């Protein structure tokens, strides 16, 4: 089964009530929020009503909230070989 991955990119401030109601129906409350809906004509129609505000991808599986968060988390640019505590214990043993 495939899903729509819908992410709210633009804010709905100042837009007509009908538009904000469609976003609520999709489950989008905050900017950059991501929701997953099964592919269906009714959801596709809702997406078309707010197509200027959202980014849509078709994906094979839903991601959990934690997986979505980890996707957005940037690479730190470094990695830790040893912690300071481990290094201290190693020096102490010698």
PDB file of N, CA and C in Angstrom:
ATOM      1  N   UNK A   1       0.854  -1.175   0.000  1.00  0.00           N
ATOM      2  CA  UNK A   1       0.000   0.000   0.000  1.00  0.00           C
ATOM      3  C   UNK A   1       0.894   1.229   0.000  1.00  0.00           C
ATOM      4  N   UNK A   2       0.531   2.225  -0.781  1.00  0.00           N
ATOM      5  CA  UNK A   2       1.335   3.445  -0.822  1.00  0.00           C
ATOM      6  C   UNK A   2       0.629   4.565  -0.067  1.00  0.00           C
ATOM      7  N   UNK A   3       1.434   5.528   0.332  1.00  0.00           N
ATOM      8  CA  UNK A   3       0.943   6.631   1.160  1.00  0.00           C
ATOM      9  C   UNK A   3       1.382   7.966   0.576  1.00  0.00           C
ATOM     10  N   UNK A   4       0.600   9.000   0.871  1.00  0.00           N
ATOM     11  CA  UNK A   4       1.013  10.365   0.599  1.00  0.00           C
ATOM     12  C   UNK A   4       1.770  10.851   1.819  1.00  0.00           C
ATOM     13  N   UNK A   5       2.948  11.379   1.610  1.00  0.00           N
ATOM     14  CA  UNK A   5       3.679  12.052   2.693  1.00  0.00           C
ATOM     15  C   UNK A   5       3.470  13.540   2.468  1.00  0.00           C
ATOM     16  N   UNK A   6       2.757  14.186   3.367  1.00  0.00           N
ATOM     17  CA  UNK A   6       2.363  15.577   3.195  1.00  0.00           C
ATOM     18  C   UNK A   6       3.064  16.417   4.256  1.00  0.00           C
ATOM     19  N   UNK A   7       3.759  17.470   3.811  1.00  0.00           N
ATOM     20  CA  UNK A   7       4.466  18.351   4.731  1.00  0.00           C
ATOM     21  C   UNK A   7       3.998  19.780   4.502  1.00  0.00           C
ATOM     22  N   UNK A   8       3.585  20.447   5.580  1.00  0.00           N
ATOM     23  CA  UNK A   8       3.134  21.838   5.493  1.00  0.00           C
ATOM     24  C   UNK A   8       4.351  22.734   5.397  1.00  0.00           C
ATOM     25  N   UNK A   9       4.499  23.429   4.274  1.00  0.00           N
ATOM     26  CA  UNK A   9       5.677  24.244   4.022  1.00  0.00           C
ATOM     27  C   UNK A   9       5.392  25.718   4.287  1.00  0.00           C
ATOM     28  N   UNK A  10       4.190  26.169   3.966  1.00  0.00           N
ATOM     29  CA  UNK A  10       3.826  27.576   4.153  1.00  0.00           C
ATOM     30  C   UNK A  10       2.721  27.688   5.185  1.00  0.00           C
ATOM     31  N   UNK A  11       2.715  28.791   5.878  1.00  0.00           N
ATOM     32  CA  UNK A  11       1.736  29.020   6.928  1.00  0.00           C
ATOM     33  C   UNK A  11       0.369  29.358   6.331  1.00  0.00           C
ATOM     34  N   UNK A  12      -0.684  29.084   7.101  1.00  0.00           N
ATOM     35  CA  UNK A  12      -2.044  29.369   6.650  1.00  0.00           C
ATOM     36  C   UNK A  12      -2.583  30.652   7.265  1.00  0.00           C
ATOM     37  N   UNK A  13      -1.717  31.445   7.874  1.00  0.00           N
ATOM     38  CA  UNK A  13      -2.155  32.704   8.494  1.00  0.00           C
ATOM     39  C   UNK A  13      -2.712  33.625   7.422  1.00  0.00           C
ATOM     40  N   UNK A  14      -3.887  34.170   7.682  1.00  0.00           N
ATOM     41  CA  UNK A  14      -4.505  35.124   6.763  1.00  0.00           C
ATOM     42  C   UNK A  14      -5.243  34.493   5.604  1.00  0.00           C
ATOM     43  N   UNK A  15      -5.307  33.197   5.540  1.00  0.00           N
ATOM     44  CA  UNK A  15      -6.015  32.524   4.456  1.00  0.00           C
ATOM     45  C   UNK A  15      -7.461  32.270   4.866  1.00  0.00           C
ATOM     46  N   UNK A  16      -8.345  32.032   3.903  1.00  0.00           N
ATOM     47  CA  UNK A  16      -9.753  31.795   4.221  1.00  0.00           C
ATOM     48  C   UNK A  16      -9.959  30.596   5.131  1.00  0.00           C
ATOM     49  N   UNK A  17     -11.049  30.615   5.859  1.00  0.00           N
ATOM     50  CA  UNK A  17     -11.363  29.557   6.817  1.00  0.00           C
ATOM     51  C   UNK A  17     -11.450  28.185   6.130  1.00  0.00           C
ATOM     52  N   UNK A  18     -11.965  28.183   4.921  1.00  0.00           N
ATOM     53  CA  UNK A  18     -12.099  26.925   4.180  1.00  0.00           C
ATOM     54  C   UNK A  18     -10.734  26.249   4.002  1.00  0.00           C
ATOM     55  N   UNK A  19      -9.724  27.044   3.719  1.00  0.00           N
ATOM     56  CA  UNK A  19      -8.369  26.505   3.539  1.00  0.00           C
ATOM     57  C   UNK A  19      -7.815  25.961   4.848  1.00  0.00           C
ATOM     58  N   UNK A  20      -7.979  26.709   5.930  1.00  0.00           N
ATOM     59  CA  UNK A  20      -7.470  26.239   7.221  1.00  0.00           C
ATOM     60  C   UNK A  20      -8.216  24.992   7.683  1.00  0.00           C
ATOM     61  N   UNK A  21      -9.510  24.895   7.337  1.00  0.00           N
ATOM     62  CA  UNK A  21     -10.262  23.686   7.689  1.00  0.00           C
ATOM     63  C   UNK A  21      -9.747  22.457   6.945  1.00  0.00           C
ATOM     64  N   UNK A  22      -9.343  22.629   5.697  1.00  0.00           N
ATOM     65  CA  UNK A  22      -8.785  21.517   4.931  1.00  0.00           C
ATOM     66  C   UNK A  22      -7.471  21.061   5.565  1.00  0.00           C
ATOM     67  N   UNK A  23      -6.645  22.017   5.997  1.00  0.00           N
ATOM     68  CA  UNK A  23      -5.384  21.657   6.654  1.00  0.00           C
ATOM     69  C   UNK A  23      -5.649  20.907   7.952  1.00  0.00           C
ATOM     70  N   UNK A  24      -6.647  21.342   8.708  1.00  0.00           N
ATOM     71  CA  UNK A  24      -7.005  20.640   9.948  1.00  0.00           C
ATOM     72  C   UNK A  24      -7.476  19.223   9.641  1.00  0.00           C
ATOM     73  N   UNK A  25      -8.253  19.068   8.576  1.00  0.00           N
ATOM     74  CA  UNK A  25      -8.755  17.748   8.198  1.00  0.00           C
ATOM     75  C   UNK A  25      -7.607  16.815   7.812  1.00  0.00           C
ATOM     76  N   UNK A  26      -6.558  17.380   7.224  1.00  0.00           N
ATOM     77  CA  UNK A  26      -5.386  16.579   6.869  1.00  0.00           C
ATOM     78  C   UNK A  26      -4.505  16.288   8.086  1.00  0.00           C
ATOM     79  N   UNK A  27      -4.710  17.033   9.166  1.00  0.00           N
ATOM     80  CA  UNK A  27      -3.925  16.818  10.381  1.00  0.00           C
ATOM     81  C   UNK A  27      -2.686  17.684  10.457  1.00  0.00           C
ATOM     82  N   UNK A  28      -2.660  18.765   9.674  1.00  0.00           N
ATOM     83  CA  UNK A  28      -1.504  19.660   9.660  1.00  0.00           C
ATOM     84  C   UNK A  28      -1.803  20.897  10.497  1.00  0.00           C
ATOM     85  N   UNK A  29      -1.044  21.070  11.576  1.00  0.00           N
ATOM     86  CA  UNK A  29      -1.272  22.196  12.477  1.00  0.00           C
ATOM     87  C   UNK A  29      -0.151  23.215  12.414  1.00  0.00           C
ATOM     88  N   UNK A  30       1.091  22.740  12.365  1.00  0.00           N
ATOM     89  CA  UNK A  30       2.245  23.628  12.412  1.00  0.00           C
ATOM     90  C   UNK A  30       3.048  23.533  11.121  1.00  0.00           C
ATOM     91  N   UNK A  31       3.803  24.586  10.840  1.00  0.00           N
ATOM     92  CA  UNK A  31       4.700  24.559   9.693  1.00  0.00           C
ATOM     93  C   UNK A  31       5.721  23.450   9.861  1.00  0.00           C
ATOM     94  N   UNK A  32       6.115  22.835   8.774  1.00  0.00           N
ATOM     95  CA  UNK A  32       7.092  21.751   8.700  1.00  0.00           C
ATOM     96  C   UNK A  32       6.602  20.458   9.356  1.00  0.00           C
ATOM     97  N   UNK A  33       5.322  20.384   9.699  1.00  0.00           N
ATOM     98  CA  UNK A  33       4.747  19.145  10.226  1.00  0.00           C
ATOM     99  C   UNK A  33       4.555  18.170   9.069  1.00  0.00           C
ATOM    100  N   UNK A  34       4.719  16.890   9.352  1.00  0.00           N
ATOM    101  CA  UNK A  34       4.584  15.853   8.330  1.00  0.00           C
ATOM    102  C   UNK A  34       3.530  14.846   8.760  1.00  0.00           C
ATOM    103  N   UNK A  35       2.629  14.499   7.833  1.00  0.00           N
ATOM    104  CA  UNK A  35       1.620  13.479   8.086  1.00  0.00           C
ATOM    105  C   UNK A  35       1.615  12.497   6.924  1.00  0.00           C
ATOM    106  N   UNK A  36       1.102  11.304   7.200  1.00  0.00           N
ATOM    107  CA  UNK A  36       0.998  10.269   6.171  1.00  0.00           C
ATOM    108  C   UNK A  36      -0.461   9.865   6.041  1.00  0.00           C
ATOM    109  N   UNK A  37      -0.957   9.807   4.799  1.00  0.00           N
ATOM    110  CA  UNK A  37      -2.324   9.367   4.514  1.00  0.00           C
ATOM    111  C   UNK A  37      -2.273   8.342   3.395  1.00  0.00           C
ATOM    112  N   UNK A  38      -3.121   7.347   3.486  1.00  0.00           N
ATOM    113  CA  UNK A  38      -3.214   6.354   2.416  1.00  0.00           C
ATOM    114  C   UNK A  38      -3.681   7.040   1.133  1.00  0.00           C
ATOM    115  N   UNK A  39      -3.177   6.573   0.015  1.00  0.00           N
ATOM    116  CA  UNK A  39      -3.544   7.160  -1.278  1.00  0.00           C
ATOM    117  C   UNK A  39      -5.014   6.874  -1.550  1.00  0.00           C
ATOM    118  N   UNK A  40      -5.786   7.942  -1.726  1.00  0.00           N
ATOM    119  CA  UNK A  40      -7.208   7.819  -2.055  1.00  0.00           C
ATOM    120  C   UNK A  40      -7.649   9.094  -2.769  1.00  0.00           C
ATOM    121  N   UNK A  41      -8.729   9.018  -3.534  1.00  0.00           N
ATOM    122  CA  UNK A  41      -9.207  10.195  -4.250  1.00  0.00           C
ATOM    123  C   UNK A  41      -9.616  11.345  -3.316  1.00  0.00           C
ATOM    124  N   UNK A  42     -10.186  11.021  -2.150  1.00  0.00           N
ATOM    125  CA  UNK A  42     -10.618  12.088  -1.244  1.00  0.00           C
ATOM    126  C   UNK A  42      -9.418  12.863  -0.686  1.00  0.00           C
ATOM    127  N   UNK A  43      -8.369  12.145  -0.322  1.00  0.00           N
ATOM    128  CA  UNK A  43      -7.169  12.822   0.185  1.00  0.00           C
ATOM    129  C   UNK A  43      -6.502  13.612  -0.940  1.00  0.00           C
ATOM    130  N   UNK A  44      -6.489  13.071  -2.146  1.00  0.00           N
ATOM    131  CA  UNK A  44      -5.909  13.780  -3.287  1.00  0.00           C
ATOM    132  C   UNK A  44      -6.664  15.085  -3.553  1.00  0.00           C
ATOM    133  N   UNK A  45      -7.981  15.064  -3.388  1.00  0.00           N
ATOM    134  CA  UNK A  45      -8.777  16.280  -3.550  1.00  0.00           C
ATOM    135  C   UNK A  45      -8.455  17.317  -2.494  1.00  0.00           C
ATOM    136  N   UNK A  46      -8.253  16.866  -1.253  1.00  0.00           N
ATOM    137  CA  UNK A  46      -7.883  17.798  -0.184  1.00  0.00           C
ATOM    138  C   UNK A  46      -6.514  18.411  -0.452  1.00  0.00           C
ATOM    139  N   UNK A  47      -5.600  17.596  -0.940  1.00  0.00           N
ATOM    140  CA  UNK A  47      -4.258  18.099  -1.253  1.00  0.00           C
ATOM    141  C   UNK A  47      -4.337  19.151  -2.351  1.00  0.00           C
ATOM    142  N   UNK A  48      -5.170  18.925  -3.338  1.00  0.00           N
ATOM    143  CA  UNK A  48      -5.307  19.890  -4.439  1.00  0.00           C
ATOM    144  C   UNK A  48      -5.849  21.231  -3.954  1.00  0.00           C
ATOM    145  N   UNK A  49      -6.654  21.232  -2.892  1.00  0.00           N
ATOM    146  CA  UNK A  49      -7.200  22.489  -2.348  1.00  0.00           C
ATOM    147  C   UNK A  49      -6.101  23.343  -1.711  1.00  0.00           C
ATOM    148  N   UNK A  50      -5.056  22.683  -1.184  1.00  0.00           N
ATOM    149  CA  UNK A  50      -3.999  23.423  -0.486  1.00  0.00           C
ATOM    150  C   UNK A  50      -2.631  23.185  -1.123  1.00  0.00           C
ATOM    151  N   UNK A  51      -2.596  22.926  -2.407  1.00  0.00           N
ATOM    152  CA  UNK A  51      -1.357  22.530  -3.089  1.00  0.00           C
ATOM    153  C   UNK A  51      -0.260  23.590  -3.015  1.00  0.00           C
ATOM    154  N   UNK A  52      -0.615  24.856  -2.811  1.00  0.00           N
ATOM    155  CA  UNK A  52       0.386  25.912  -2.729  1.00  0.00           C
ATOM    156  C   UNK A  52       1.084  25.922  -1.373  1.00  0.00           C
ATOM    157  N   UNK A  53       0.485  25.287  -0.387  1.00  0.00           N
ATOM    158  CA  UNK A  53       0.998  25.338   0.984  1.00  0.00           C
ATOM    159  C   UNK A  53       1.773  24.089   1.387  1.00  0.00           C
ATOM    160  N   UNK A  54       1.597  23.001   0.647  1.00  0.00           N
ATOM    161  CA  UNK A  54       2.160  21.723   1.078  1.00  0.00           C
ATOM    162  C   UNK A  54       3.128  21.158   0.043  1.00  0.00           C
ATOM    163  N   UNK A  55       3.953  20.230   0.526  1.00  0.00           N
ATOM    164  CA  UNK A  55       4.847  19.448  -0.320  1.00  0.00           C
ATOM    165  C   UNK A  55       4.403  17.995  -0.202  1.00  0.00           C
ATOM    166  N   UNK A  56       4.222  17.313  -1.325  1.00  0.00           N
ATOM    167  CA  UNK A  56       3.668  15.957  -1.301  1.00  0.00           C
ATOM    168  C   UNK A  56       4.611  14.995  -2.011  1.00  0.00           C
ATOM    169  N   UNK A  57       4.792  13.830  -1.390  1.00  0.00           N
ATOM    170  CA  UNK A  57       5.548  12.730  -2.008  1.00  0.00           C
ATOM    171  C   UNK A  57       4.723  11.469  -1.847  1.00  0.00           C
ATOM    172  N   UNK A  58       4.865  10.557  -2.782  1.00  0.00           N
ATOM    173  CA  UNK A  58       4.224   9.255  -2.642  1.00  0.00           C
ATOM    174  C   UNK A  58       5.285   8.262  -2.175  1.00  0.00           C
ATOM    175  N   UNK A  59       5.035   7.624  -1.024  1.00  0.00           N
ATOM    176  CA  UNK A  59       6.006   6.707  -0.423  1.00  0.00           C
ATOM    177  C   UNK A  59       5.364   5.342  -0.212  1.00  0.00           C
ATOM    178  N   UNK A  60       6.209   4.319  -0.021  1.00  0.00           N
ATOM    179  CA  UNK A  60       5.715   2.950   0.146  1.00  0.00           C
ATOM    180  C   UNK A  60       5.246   2.641   1.559  1.00  0.00           C
ATOM    181  N   UNK A  61       5.911   3.250   2.554  1.00  0.00           N
ATOM    182  CA  UNK A  61       5.528   2.953   3.935  1.00  0.00           C
ATOM    183  C   UNK A  61       5.497   4.226   4.768  1.00  0.00           C
ATOM    184  N   UNK A  62       4.736   4.157   5.848  1.00  0.00           N
ATOM    185  CA  UNK A  62       4.674   5.265   6.792  1.00  0.00           C
ATOM    186  C   UNK A  62       5.934   5.265   7.638  1.00  0.00           C
ATOM    187  N   UNK A  63       6.381   6.441   8.026  1.00  0.00           N
ATOM    188  CA  UNK A  63       7.487   6.556   8.964  1.00  0.00           C
ATOM    189  C   UNK A  63       6.933   6.947  10.320  1.00  0.00           C
ATOM    190  N   UNK A  64       7.612   6.509  11.366  1.00  0.00           N
ATOM    191  CA  UNK A  64       7.204   6.923  12.700  1.00  0.00           C
ATOM    192  C   UNK A  64       7.656   8.358  12.930  1.00  0.00           C
ATOM    193  N   UNK A  65       7.149   8.950  13.979  1.00  0.00           N
ATOM    194  CA  UNK A  65       7.505  10.325  14.313  1.00  0.00           C
ATOM    195  C   UNK A  65       9.005  10.444  14.550  1.00  0.00           C
ATOM    196  N   UNK A  66       9.585   9.436  15.195  1.00  0.00           N
ATOM    197  CA  UNK A  66      11.015   9.450  15.487  1.00  0.00           C
ATOM    198  C   UNK A  66      11.842   9.332  14.201  1.00  0.00           C
ATOM    199  N   UNK A  67      11.400   8.510  13.251  1.00  0.00           N
ATOM    200  CA  UNK A  67      12.119   8.365  11.985  1.00  0.00           C
ATOM    201  C   UNK A  67      12.089   9.661  11.183  1.00  0.00           C
ATOM    202  N   UNK A  68      10.958  10.363  11.203  1.00  0.00           N
ATOM    203  CA  UNK A  68      10.857  11.654  10.511  1.00  0.00           C
ATOM    204  C   UNK A  68      11.809  12.648  11.155  1.00  0.00           C
ATOM    205  N   UNK A  69      11.871  12.631  12.489  1.00  0.00           N
ATOM    206  CA  UNK A  69      12.767  13.538  13.207  1.00  0.00           C
ATOM    207  C   UNK A  69      14.226  13.261  12.855  1.00  0.00           C
ATOM    208  N   UNK A  70      14.607  11.999  12.807  1.00  0.00           N
ATOM    209  CA  UNK A  70      15.989  11.651  12.485  1.00  0.00           C
ATOM    210  C   UNK A  70      16.352  12.007  11.047  1.00  0.00           C
ATOM    211  N   UNK A  71      15.384  11.982  10.136  1.00  0.00           N
ATOM    212  CA  UNK A  71      15.638  12.393   8.754  1.00  0.00           C
ATOM    213  C   UNK A  71      16.003  13.868   8.688  1.00  0.00           C
ATOM    214  N   UNK A  72      15.347  14.676   9.508  1.00  0.00           N
ATOM    215  CA  UNK A  72      15.562  16.111   9.478  1.00  0.00           C
ATOM    216  C   UNK A  72      16.808  16.538  10.246  1.00  0.00           C
ATOM    217  N   UNK A  73      17.296  15.681  11.139  1.00  0.00           N
ATOM    218  CA  UNK A  73      18.445  16.013  11.972  1.00  0.00           C
ATOM    219  C   UNK A  73      19.700  16.063  11.104  1.00  0.00           C
ATOM    220  N   UNK A  74      20.445  17.161  11.148  1.00  0.00           N
ATOM    221  CA  UNK A  74      21.629  17.269  10.291  1.00  0.00           C
ATOM    222  C   UNK A  74      22.785  16.413  10.793  1.00  0.00           C
ATOM    223  N   UNK A  75      23.684  16.087   9.881  1.00  0.00           N
ATOM    224  CA  UNK A  75      24.891  15.351  10.218  1.00  0.00           C
ATOM    225  C   UNK A  75      25.789  16.286  11.020  1.00  0.00           C
ATOM    226  N   UNK A  76      26.316  15.848  12.185  1.00  0.00           N
ATOM    227  CA  UNK A  76      27.109  16.764  13.005  1.00  0.00           C
ATOM    228  C   UNK A  76      28.453  17.143  12.381  1.00  0.00           C
ATOM    229  N   UNK A  77      28.943  16.369  11.429  1.00  0.00           N
ATOM    230  CA  UNK A  77      30.212  16.695  10.781  1.00  0.00           C
ATOM    231  C   UNK A  77      31.408  16.085  11.493  1.00  0.00           C
ATOM    232  N   UNK A  78      31.171  15.308  12.541  1.00  0.00           N
ATOM    233  CA  UNK A  78      32.252  14.668  13.266  1.00  0.00           C
ATOM    234  C   UNK A  78      31.720  13.404  13.918  1.00  0.00           C
ATOM    235  N   UNK A  79      32.609  12.578  14.449  1.00  0.00           N
ATOM    236  CA  UNK A  79      32.184  11.414  15.213  1.00  0.00           C
ATOM    237  C   UNK A  79      33.116  11.270  16.414  1.00  0.00           C
ATOM    238  N   UNK A  80      32.636  10.609  17.438  1.00  0.00           N
ATOM    239  CA  UNK A  80      33.386  10.472  18.682  1.00  0.00           C
ATOM    240  C   UNK A  80      34.040   9.093  18.715  1.00  0.00           C
ATOM    241  N   UNK A  81      35.385   9.068  18.816  1.00  0.00           N
ATOM    242  CA  UNK A  81      36.097   7.800  18.921  1.00  0.00           C
ATOM    243  C   UNK A  81      36.015   7.259  20.339  1.00  0.00           C
ATOM    244  N   UNK A  82      36.335   8.094  21.317  1.00  0.00           N
ATOM    245  CA  UNK A  82      36.273   7.716  22.724  1.00  0.00           C
ATOM    246  C   UNK A  82      35.721   8.887  23.509  1.00  0.00           C
ATOM    247  N   UNK A  83      35.018   8.578  24.553  1.00  0.00           N
ATOM    248  CA  UNK A  83      34.567   9.651  25.430  1.00  0.00           C
ATOM    249  C   UNK A  83      35.687   9.991  26.397  1.00  0.00           C
ATOM    250  N   UNK A  84      35.598  11.129  27.025  1.00  0.00           N
ATOM    251  CA  UNK A  84      36.606  11.553  27.979  1.00  0.00           C
ATOM    252  C   UNK A  84      36.699  10.615  29.162  1.00  0.00           C
ATOM    253  N   UNK A  85      35.590  10.065  29.593  1.00  0.00           N
ATOM    254  CA  UNK A  85      35.566   9.148  30.731  1.00  0.00           C
ATOM    255  C   UNK A  85      36.307   7.864  30.389  1.00  0.00           C
ATOM    256  N   UNK A  86      36.063   7.313  29.205  1.00  0.00           N
ATOM    257  CA  UNK A  86      36.726   6.079  28.794  1.00  0.00           C
ATOM    258  C   UNK A  86      38.232   6.293  28.685  1.00  0.00           C
ATOM    259  N   UNK A  87      38.636   7.430  28.176  1.00  0.00           N
ATOM    260  CA  UNK A  87      40.054   7.735  28.034  1.00  0.00           C
ATOM    261  C   UNK A  87      40.710   7.878  29.411  1.00  0.00           C
ATOM    262  N   UNK A  88      40.008   8.524  30.344  1.00  0.00           N
ATOM    263  CA  UNK A  88      40.515   8.704  31.702  1.00  0.00           C
ATOM    264  C   UNK A  88      40.702   7.352  32.397  1.00  0.00           C
ATOM    265  N   UNK A  89      39.719   6.462  32.251  1.00  0.00           N
ATOM    266  CA  UNK A  89      39.815   5.138  32.866  1.00  0.00           C
ATOM    267  C   UNK A  89      40.985   4.345  32.285  1.00  0.00           C
ATOM    268  N   UNK A  90      41.210   4.490  30.984  1.00  0.00           N
ATOM    269  CA  UNK A  90      42.309   3.786  30.319  1.00  0.00           C
ATOM    270  C   UNK A  90      43.654   4.288  30.842  1.00  0.00           C
ATOM    271  N   UNK A  91      43.795   5.573  31.038  1.00  0.00           N
ATOM    272  CA  UNK A  91      45.029   6.149  31.554  1.00  0.00           C
ATOM    273  C   UNK A  91      45.258   5.746  33.013  1.00  0.00           C
ATOM    274  N   UNK A  92      44.196   5.624  33.746  1.00  0.00           N
ATOM    275  CA  UNK A  92      44.273   5.291  35.156  1.00  0.00           C
ATOM    276  C   UNK A  92      44.759   3.845  35.365  1.00  0.00           C
ATOM    277  N   UNK A  93      44.406   2.951  34.452  1.00  0.00           N
ATOM    278  CA  UNK A  93      44.795   1.551  34.541  1.00  0.00           C
ATOM    279  C   UNK A  93      46.292   1.372  34.318  1.00  0.00           C
ATOM    280  N   UNK A  94      46.921   2.214  33.588  1.00  0.00           N
ATOM    281  CA  UNK A  94      48.344   2.071  33.247  1.00  0.00           C
ATOM    282  C   UNK A  94      49.230   2.388  34.389  1.00  0.00           C
TER     283      UNK A  94
END
